[in-house]
Amino acid sequence: MFKHEIDTAAIFYEGDDLLLPDSPLALLPEGKYLKVGNEVGWLGFPTVSQFNMCFFSGLVSAWIQSQQTYLVDGVAINGVSGGPTFGIVDGNINLIGVMSAYIPNRATGEVLPGLSMVRDIAQFHEVAKEVKTRDDAAKNQNSSPPTPPPASSESTRAIK
């Protein structure tokens, strides 16, 4: 299941070869996003240390509703794109998005610190409801995933 405009995908697998926790991180509640100033963290394997998972963190600088994207004051080194991004909501760690890109600030002609882009994963709420087994995933493979509802001030609320 993939939608190009959203820049995220759900990958299904079967088997017990992956060492995963007994319970996954909760998704950020439907219709919610983090406010400016909240701290977020992300994991990845940067090319400067490609065999070591590294932790990064930054602060939410903006929420771009029309793109379902956070701008984060924190560096996303080459190789961490696609890494999970999480934040703390009501004392619990929630998966909020996927690291998508780093945009350097070139305003003066120099490469100055920029902002990272984190794509929201709201569409995964629908995927999680519809796909419980490999057979469910196979049935949905050629269909487009549900599109998140259009953003409005009434359906989407900032938290924290």
N, C-alpha and C. Protein backbone atom coordinates (compact mmCIF):
# COMPACT_ATOMS: atom_id res chain seq x y z
N MET A 1 0.85 -1.17 0.00
CA MET A 1 0.00 0.00 0.00
C MET A 1 0.89 1.23 0.00
N PHE A 2 0.73 2.07 -0.99
CA PHE A 2 1.60 3.21 -1.11
C PHE A 2 0.86 4.34 -1.80
N LYS A 3 1.07 5.53 -1.37
CA LYS A 3 0.48 6.70 -2.00
C LYS A 3 1.60 7.72 -2.14
N HIS A 4 1.95 8.05 -3.37
CA HIS A 4 3.11 8.91 -3.64
C HIS A 4 3.03 10.26 -2.94
N GLU A 5 1.86 10.86 -2.86
CA GLU A 5 1.75 12.18 -2.26
C GLU A 5 2.07 12.17 -0.76
N ILE A 6 1.88 11.02 -0.13
CA ILE A 6 2.07 10.93 1.31
C ILE A 6 3.52 10.60 1.67
N ASP A 7 4.24 9.95 0.78
CA ASP A 7 5.66 9.63 0.98
C ASP A 7 5.89 8.63 2.11
N THR A 8 4.93 7.75 2.35
CA THR A 8 5.10 6.68 3.31
C THR A 8 4.47 5.41 2.74
N ALA A 9 4.85 4.29 3.27
CA ALA A 9 4.29 3.01 2.82
C ALA A 9 4.20 2.06 4.00
N ALA A 10 3.27 1.13 3.91
CA ALA A 10 3.15 0.06 4.89
C ALA A 10 3.73 -1.19 4.25
N ILE A 11 4.59 -1.88 4.98
CA ILE A 11 5.21 -3.11 4.48
C ILE A 11 4.76 -4.25 5.39
N PHE A 12 4.25 -5.31 4.78
CA PHE A 12 3.76 -6.45 5.54
C PHE A 12 4.72 -7.61 5.36
N TYR A 13 4.91 -8.36 6.40
CA TYR A 13 5.78 -9.53 6.36
C TYR A 13 5.17 -10.58 7.27
N GLU A 14 5.62 -11.81 7.09
CA GLU A 14 5.19 -12.84 8.02
C GLU A 14 6.40 -13.63 8.47
N GLY A 15 6.26 -14.24 9.57
CA GLY A 15 7.38 -14.99 10.12
C GLY A 15 7.84 -14.38 11.42
N ASP A 16 8.72 -15.09 12.08
CA ASP A 16 9.21 -14.65 13.38
C ASP A 16 10.69 -14.32 13.35
N ASP A 17 11.22 -14.02 12.16
CA ASP A 17 12.65 -13.78 12.03
C ASP A 17 13.09 -12.43 12.58
N LEU A 18 12.17 -11.47 12.63
CA LEU A 18 12.52 -10.15 13.14
C LEU A 18 12.31 -10.09 14.64
N LEU A 19 13.27 -9.53 15.34
CA LEU A 19 13.13 -9.36 16.78
C LEU A 19 12.40 -8.05 17.04
N LEU A 20 11.15 -8.16 17.37
CA LEU A 20 10.31 -6.99 17.60
C LEU A 20 9.75 -7.04 19.01
N PRO A 21 9.40 -5.88 19.56
CA PRO A 21 8.81 -5.87 20.90
C PRO A 21 7.43 -6.54 20.88
N ASP A 22 6.98 -6.97 22.05
CA ASP A 22 5.67 -7.62 22.15
C ASP A 22 4.54 -6.69 21.74
N SER A 23 4.67 -5.40 22.02
CA SER A 23 3.64 -4.45 21.61
C SER A 23 4.31 -3.27 20.91
N PRO A 24 3.74 -2.87 19.79
CA PRO A 24 4.34 -1.76 19.03
C PRO A 24 4.05 -0.41 19.69
N LEU A 25 4.77 0.61 19.27
CA LEU A 25 4.47 1.96 19.73
C LEU A 25 3.08 2.35 19.25
N ALA A 26 2.37 3.06 20.09
CA ALA A 26 1.05 3.55 19.69
C ALA A 26 1.22 4.63 18.62
N LEU A 27 0.26 4.68 17.71
CA LEU A 27 0.24 5.77 16.73
C LEU A 27 -0.33 7.00 17.41
N LEU A 28 0.11 8.17 16.98
CA LEU A 28 -0.47 9.42 17.47
C LEU A 28 -1.98 9.33 17.26
N PRO A 29 -2.80 9.71 18.24
CA PRO A 29 -4.24 9.58 18.08
C PRO A 29 -4.75 10.24 16.79
N GLU A 30 -5.77 9.61 16.20
CA GLU A 30 -6.34 10.12 14.96
C GLU A 30 -6.78 11.57 15.11
N GLY A 31 -6.53 12.36 14.07
CA GLY A 31 -6.95 13.75 14.05
C GLY A 31 -6.13 14.66 14.93
N LYS A 32 -4.99 14.20 15.43
CA LYS A 32 -4.15 15.01 16.32
C LYS A 32 -2.78 15.24 15.69
N TYR A 33 -2.15 16.31 16.08
CA TYR A 33 -0.76 16.55 15.71
C TYR A 33 -0.08 17.28 16.87
N LEU A 34 1.25 17.24 16.89
CA LEU A 34 1.99 17.89 17.97
C LEU A 34 2.10 19.39 17.70
N LYS A 35 2.04 20.16 18.75
CA LYS A 35 2.19 21.61 18.65
C LYS A 35 3.66 21.99 18.47
N VAL A 36 3.87 23.19 18.01
CA VAL A 36 5.20 23.77 17.90
C VAL A 36 5.85 23.76 19.28
N GLY A 37 7.13 23.37 19.33
CA GLY A 37 7.89 23.36 20.57
C GLY A 37 8.01 22.00 21.21
N ASN A 38 7.20 21.04 20.78
CA ASN A 38 7.31 19.69 21.34
C ASN A 38 8.58 19.03 20.84
N GLU A 39 9.22 18.27 21.72
CA GLU A 39 10.42 17.53 21.34
C GLU A 39 10.03 16.23 20.67
N VAL A 40 10.74 15.90 19.61
CA VAL A 40 10.55 14.63 18.92
C VAL A 40 11.91 13.96 18.76
N GLY A 41 11.88 12.66 18.55
CA GLY A 41 13.11 11.91 18.33
C GLY A 41 12.92 10.99 17.14
N TRP A 42 14.02 10.57 16.53
CA TRP A 42 13.94 9.64 15.41
C TRP A 42 15.18 8.76 15.40
N LEU A 43 15.04 7.63 14.74
CA LEU A 43 16.11 6.65 14.65
C LEU A 43 16.49 6.45 13.20
N GLY A 44 17.74 6.09 12.98
CA GLY A 44 18.17 5.80 11.62
C GLY A 44 19.59 5.29 11.60
N PHE A 45 20.01 4.92 10.40
CA PHE A 45 21.36 4.42 10.17
C PHE A 45 22.06 5.39 9.22
N PRO A 46 22.65 6.47 9.75
CA PRO A 46 23.27 7.47 8.87
C PRO A 46 24.48 6.90 8.15
N THR A 47 24.74 7.42 6.96
CA THR A 47 25.86 6.91 6.17
C THR A 47 27.20 7.10 6.87
N VAL A 48 27.30 8.05 7.78
CA VAL A 48 28.57 8.24 8.49
C VAL A 48 28.83 7.13 9.50
N SER A 49 27.78 6.34 9.83
CA SER A 49 27.91 5.21 10.75
C SER A 49 26.85 4.19 10.39
N GLN A 50 26.91 3.70 9.16
CA GLN A 50 25.81 2.93 8.59
C GLN A 50 25.48 1.61 9.29
N PHE A 51 26.35 1.11 10.13
CA PHE A 51 26.06 -0.15 10.81
C PHE A 51 25.62 0.07 12.26
N ASN A 52 25.41 1.32 12.63
CA ASN A 52 24.99 1.64 13.99
C ASN A 52 23.71 2.45 13.95
N MET A 53 22.68 1.95 14.61
CA MET A 53 21.45 2.73 14.70
C MET A 53 21.74 3.92 15.61
N CYS A 54 21.36 5.09 15.15
CA CYS A 54 21.61 6.33 15.90
C CYS A 54 20.29 6.99 16.27
N PHE A 55 20.33 7.71 17.38
CA PHE A 55 19.17 8.46 17.86
C PHE A 55 19.40 9.94 17.59
N PHE A 56 18.37 10.62 17.13
CA PHE A 56 18.43 12.06 16.86
C PHE A 56 17.22 12.70 17.54
N SER A 57 17.31 14.00 17.80
CA SER A 57 16.15 14.69 18.37
C SER A 57 16.13 16.14 17.92
N GLY A 58 14.96 16.74 18.06
CA GLY A 58 14.78 18.13 17.70
C GLY A 58 13.42 18.60 18.19
N LEU A 59 13.12 19.84 17.89
CA LEU A 59 11.85 20.43 18.30
C LEU A 59 10.97 20.69 17.08
N VAL A 60 9.67 20.50 17.25
CA VAL A 60 8.73 20.82 16.18
C VAL A 60 8.77 22.33 15.97
N SER A 61 9.11 22.74 14.76
CA SER A 61 9.15 24.17 14.42
C SER A 61 7.86 24.64 13.78
N ALA A 62 7.20 23.73 13.06
CA ALA A 62 5.94 24.08 12.38
C ALA A 62 5.20 22.81 12.01
N TRP A 63 3.89 22.94 11.88
CA TRP A 63 3.04 21.89 11.36
C TRP A 63 2.42 22.44 10.08
N ILE A 64 2.70 21.81 8.96
CA ILE A 64 2.15 22.25 7.68
C ILE A 64 0.94 21.37 7.39
N GLN A 65 -0.22 21.86 7.73
CA GLN A 65 -1.45 21.09 7.63
C GLN A 65 -1.69 20.57 6.22
N SER A 66 -1.51 21.41 5.22
CA SER A 66 -1.81 21.01 3.83
C SER A 66 -0.94 19.86 3.34
N GLN A 67 0.25 19.70 3.93
CA GLN A 67 1.16 18.63 3.52
C GLN A 67 1.24 17.50 4.54
N GLN A 68 0.51 17.65 5.66
CA GLN A 68 0.57 16.68 6.73
C GLN A 68 2.03 16.41 7.12
N THR A 69 2.77 17.50 7.32
CA THR A 69 4.22 17.43 7.54
C THR A 69 4.64 18.33 8.70
N TYR A 70 5.54 17.81 9.51
CA TYR A 70 6.18 18.62 10.55
C TYR A 70 7.49 19.15 9.99
N LEU A 71 7.83 20.38 10.33
CA LEU A 71 9.19 20.89 10.14
C LEU A 71 9.83 20.82 11.51
N VAL A 72 11.01 20.22 11.56
CA VAL A 72 11.68 19.96 12.84
C VAL A 72 13.06 20.60 12.84
N ASP A 73 13.36 21.32 13.92
CA ASP A 73 14.67 21.91 14.12
C ASP A 73 15.60 20.81 14.63
N GLY A 74 16.14 20.06 13.70
CA GLY A 74 17.03 18.95 14.02
C GLY A 74 17.57 18.38 12.71
N VAL A 75 18.77 17.88 12.75
CA VAL A 75 19.44 17.42 11.54
C VAL A 75 19.05 15.98 11.20
N ALA A 76 18.76 15.76 9.95
CA ALA A 76 18.51 14.41 9.44
C ALA A 76 19.65 14.09 8.48
N ILE A 77 20.65 13.41 8.99
CA ILE A 77 21.83 13.07 8.20
C ILE A 77 21.45 12.07 7.12
N ASN A 78 22.14 12.14 5.97
CA ASN A 78 21.89 11.22 4.87
C ASN A 78 21.86 9.79 5.38
N GLY A 79 20.81 9.07 5.05
CA GLY A 79 20.68 7.69 5.47
C GLY A 79 19.60 7.45 6.52
N VAL A 80 19.08 8.50 7.12
CA VAL A 80 18.05 8.28 8.14
C VAL A 80 16.63 8.46 7.61
N SER A 81 16.50 8.81 6.33
CA SER A 81 15.16 8.94 5.75
C SER A 81 14.41 7.63 5.91
N GLY A 82 13.15 7.74 6.25
CA GLY A 82 12.33 6.56 6.48
C GLY A 82 12.34 6.09 7.92
N GLY A 83 13.19 6.71 8.73
CA GLY A 83 13.27 6.32 10.14
C GLY A 83 12.03 6.75 10.90
N PRO A 84 11.64 5.97 11.90
CA PRO A 84 10.47 6.32 12.70
C PRO A 84 10.73 7.57 13.53
N THR A 85 9.71 8.40 13.64
CA THR A 85 9.78 9.62 14.44
C THR A 85 8.69 9.53 15.50
N PHE A 86 9.05 9.86 16.72
CA PHE A 86 8.11 9.70 17.81
C PHE A 86 8.17 10.90 18.75
N GLY A 87 7.09 11.05 19.50
CA GLY A 87 6.99 12.11 20.48
C GLY A 87 6.26 11.60 21.71
N ILE A 88 6.26 12.39 22.76
CA ILE A 88 5.59 11.99 23.99
C ILE A 88 4.24 12.70 24.07
N VAL A 89 3.20 11.91 24.22
CA VAL A 89 1.83 12.42 24.32
C VAL A 89 1.21 11.84 25.58
N ASP A 90 0.79 12.70 26.47
CA ASP A 90 0.19 12.25 27.74
C ASP A 90 1.07 11.24 28.47
N GLY A 91 2.37 11.47 28.44
CA GLY A 91 3.31 10.62 29.16
C GLY A 91 3.69 9.33 28.44
N ASN A 92 3.14 9.10 27.24
CA ASN A 92 3.42 7.89 26.49
C ASN A 92 4.13 8.22 25.18
N ILE A 93 5.03 7.33 24.76
CA ILE A 93 5.70 7.52 23.47
C ILE A 93 4.76 7.10 22.36
N ASN A 94 4.56 7.99 21.39
CA ASN A 94 3.69 7.71 20.25
C ASN A 94 4.48 7.88 18.97
N LEU A 95 4.23 7.01 18.01
CA LEU A 95 4.80 7.14 16.68
C LEU A 95 4.03 8.25 15.98
N ILE A 96 4.75 9.30 15.53
CA ILE A 96 4.07 10.44 14.92
C ILE A 96 4.33 10.57 13.43
N GLY A 97 5.42 9.97 12.95
CA GLY A 97 5.72 10.16 11.55
C GLY A 97 6.96 9.41 11.11
N VAL A 98 7.39 9.75 9.90
CA VAL A 98 8.56 9.15 9.28
C VAL A 98 9.46 10.26 8.78
N MET A 99 10.75 10.18 9.11
CA MET A 99 11.71 11.19 8.65
C MET A 99 11.74 11.13 7.12
N SER A 100 11.57 12.29 6.51
CA SER A 100 11.43 12.31 5.05
C SER A 100 12.58 13.03 4.35
N ALA A 101 13.03 14.15 4.89
CA ALA A 101 14.05 14.93 4.18
C ALA A 101 14.70 15.94 5.12
N TYR A 102 15.83 16.44 4.68
CA TYR A 102 16.48 17.56 5.37
C TYR A 102 16.60 18.68 4.34
N ILE A 103 16.18 19.87 4.73
CA ILE A 103 16.20 21.01 3.81
C ILE A 103 17.19 22.05 4.36
N PRO A 104 18.39 22.15 3.75
CA PRO A 104 19.35 23.14 4.24
C PRO A 104 18.88 24.56 3.94
N ASN A 105 19.27 25.48 4.79
CA ASN A 105 18.94 26.90 4.60
C ASN A 105 20.04 27.51 3.74
N ARG A 106 19.72 27.89 2.55
CA ARG A 106 20.71 28.46 1.62
C ARG A 106 20.46 29.95 1.38
N ALA A 107 19.84 30.62 2.33
CA ALA A 107 19.45 32.02 2.17
C ALA A 107 20.63 32.94 1.88
N THR A 108 21.78 32.65 2.43
CA THR A 108 22.93 33.52 2.26
C THR A 108 23.93 32.97 1.24
N GLY A 109 23.58 31.87 0.60
CA GLY A 109 24.50 31.24 -0.33
C GLY A 109 25.34 30.16 0.33
N GLU A 110 25.39 30.16 1.66
CA GLU A 110 26.10 29.13 2.40
C GLU A 110 25.08 28.08 2.84
N VAL A 111 25.57 26.90 3.14
CA VAL A 111 24.68 25.88 3.68
C VAL A 111 24.64 26.08 5.19
N LEU A 112 23.55 26.64 5.65
CA LEU A 112 23.35 26.88 7.07
C LEU A 112 22.45 25.78 7.63
N PRO A 113 22.37 25.68 8.93
CA PRO A 113 21.43 24.69 9.46
C PRO A 113 20.04 24.91 8.88
N GLY A 114 19.38 23.82 8.60
CA GLY A 114 18.05 23.88 7.99
C GLY A 114 17.03 23.20 8.88
N LEU A 115 16.02 22.65 8.25
CA LEU A 115 14.95 21.97 8.96
C LEU A 115 14.75 20.58 8.37
N SER A 116 14.35 19.66 9.21
CA SER A 116 14.01 18.31 8.76
C SER A 116 12.51 18.24 8.53
N MET A 117 12.11 17.39 7.59
CA MET A 117 10.70 17.17 7.30
C MET A 117 10.30 15.79 7.82
N VAL A 118 9.24 15.76 8.59
CA VAL A 118 8.69 14.51 9.10
C VAL A 118 7.27 14.37 8.56
N ARG A 119 7.04 13.33 7.79
CA ARG A 119 5.71 13.08 7.21
C ARG A 119 4.84 12.39 8.25
N ASP A 120 3.64 12.92 8.42
CA ASP A 120 2.66 12.37 9.34
C ASP A 120 2.24 10.97 8.86
N ILE A 121 1.86 10.11 9.78
CA ILE A 121 1.46 8.75 9.42
C ILE A 121 -0.01 8.48 9.75
N ALA A 122 -0.83 9.51 9.70
CA ALA A 122 -2.24 9.36 10.02
C ALA A 122 -2.92 8.29 9.18
N GLN A 123 -2.49 8.12 7.93
CA GLN A 123 -3.14 7.13 7.06
C GLN A 123 -2.97 5.71 7.58
N PHE A 124 -1.99 5.47 8.45
CA PHE A 124 -1.78 4.12 8.97
C PHE A 124 -2.88 3.68 9.93
N HIS A 125 -3.63 4.63 10.49
CA HIS A 125 -4.76 4.24 11.33
C HIS A 125 -5.74 3.41 10.51
N GLU A 126 -6.03 3.85 9.29
CA GLU A 126 -6.96 3.10 8.42
C GLU A 126 -6.35 1.78 7.99
N VAL A 127 -5.06 1.78 7.66
CA VAL A 127 -4.40 0.54 7.26
C VAL A 127 -4.47 -0.47 8.39
N ALA A 128 -4.20 -0.04 9.61
CA ALA A 128 -4.22 -0.94 10.76
C ALA A 128 -5.61 -1.52 10.99
N LYS A 129 -6.65 -0.75 10.71
CA LYS A 129 -8.02 -1.24 10.88
C LYS A 129 -8.36 -2.29 9.82
N GLU A 130 -7.88 -2.07 8.59
CA GLU A 130 -8.26 -2.92 7.46
C GLU A 130 -7.39 -4.17 7.31
N VAL A 131 -6.15 -4.11 7.74
CA VAL A 131 -5.22 -5.20 7.47
C VAL A 131 -4.78 -5.85 8.79
N LYS A 132 -5.23 -7.05 9.00
CA LYS A 132 -4.85 -7.80 10.19
C LYS A 132 -4.00 -9.02 9.85
N THR A 133 -4.13 -9.50 8.60
CA THR A 133 -3.41 -10.70 8.18
C THR A 133 -2.75 -10.47 6.82
N ARG A 134 -1.91 -11.41 6.43
CA ARG A 134 -1.27 -11.34 5.12
C ARG A 134 -2.32 -11.39 4.00
N ASP A 135 -3.36 -12.18 4.19
CA ASP A 135 -4.43 -12.26 3.19
C ASP A 135 -5.12 -10.90 3.03
N ASP A 136 -5.34 -10.19 4.14
CA ASP A 136 -5.93 -8.85 4.06
C ASP A 136 -5.03 -7.93 3.25
N ALA A 137 -3.73 -8.02 3.49
CA ALA A 137 -2.77 -7.18 2.76
C ALA A 137 -2.80 -7.50 1.27
N ALA A 138 -2.86 -8.80 0.93
CA ALA A 138 -2.90 -9.19 -0.48
C ALA A 138 -4.15 -8.66 -1.17
N LYS A 139 -5.29 -8.69 -0.48
CA LYS A 139 -6.54 -8.17 -1.05
C LYS A 139 -6.44 -6.68 -1.33
N ASN A 140 -5.74 -5.97 -0.48
CA ASN A 140 -5.64 -4.51 -0.60
C ASN A 140 -4.44 -4.06 -1.41
N GLN A 141 -3.61 -4.98 -1.87
CA GLN A 141 -2.35 -4.63 -2.52
C GLN A 141 -2.51 -3.69 -3.71
N ASN A 142 -3.49 -3.92 -4.52
CA ASN A 142 -3.65 -3.10 -5.73
C ASN A 142 -4.62 -1.95 -5.55
N SER A 143 -5.18 -1.80 -4.38
CA SER A 143 -6.09 -0.68 -4.15
C SER A 143 -5.35 0.42 -3.43
N SER A 144 -5.80 1.63 -3.63
CA SER A 144 -5.18 2.77 -2.96
C SER A 144 -5.58 2.78 -1.51
N PRO A 145 -4.65 3.15 -0.61
CA PRO A 145 -5.01 3.25 0.80
C PRO A 145 -5.97 4.40 1.01
N PRO A 146 -6.76 4.33 2.05
CA PRO A 146 -7.68 5.44 2.32
C PRO A 146 -6.90 6.74 2.51
N THR A 147 -7.46 7.80 1.98
CA THR A 147 -6.85 9.11 2.14
C THR A 147 -7.33 9.70 3.45
N PRO A 148 -6.41 10.30 4.23
CA PRO A 148 -6.85 10.92 5.48
C PRO A 148 -7.90 11.99 5.18
N PRO A 149 -8.81 12.23 6.11
CA PRO A 149 -9.83 13.24 5.87
C PRO A 149 -9.19 14.60 5.65
N PRO A 150 -9.86 15.48 4.87
CA PRO A 150 -9.28 16.79 4.63
C PRO A 150 -9.06 17.52 5.94
N ALA A 151 -7.99 18.25 5.99
CA ALA A 151 -7.63 18.96 7.21
C ALA A 151 -8.56 20.14 7.43
N SER A 152 -8.99 20.28 8.64
CA SER A 152 -9.76 21.46 9.02
C SER A 152 -9.50 21.71 10.49
N SER A 153 -9.80 22.89 10.93
CA SER A 153 -9.54 23.21 12.32
C SER A 153 -10.44 22.40 13.25
N GLU A 154 -11.57 21.88 12.74
CA GLU A 154 -12.45 21.11 13.58
C GLU A 154 -12.06 19.63 13.66
N SER A 155 -11.46 19.09 12.58
CA SER A 155 -11.13 17.66 12.60
C SER A 155 -9.73 17.39 13.09
N THR A 156 -8.87 18.36 13.09
CA THR A 156 -7.49 18.17 13.51
C THR A 156 -7.17 19.13 14.64
N ARG A 157 -6.69 18.60 15.72
CA ARG A 157 -6.40 19.41 16.89
C ARG A 157 -4.95 19.23 17.32
N ALA A 158 -4.31 20.31 17.66
CA ALA A 158 -2.96 20.25 18.19
C ALA A 158 -3.02 19.76 19.63
N ILE A 159 -2.04 18.95 19.98
CA ILE A 159 -1.98 18.48 21.35
C ILE A 159 -0.69 18.90 22.02
N LYS A 160 -0.77 19.00 23.29
CA LYS A 160 0.35 19.37 24.16
C LYS A 160 0.73 20.76 23.91
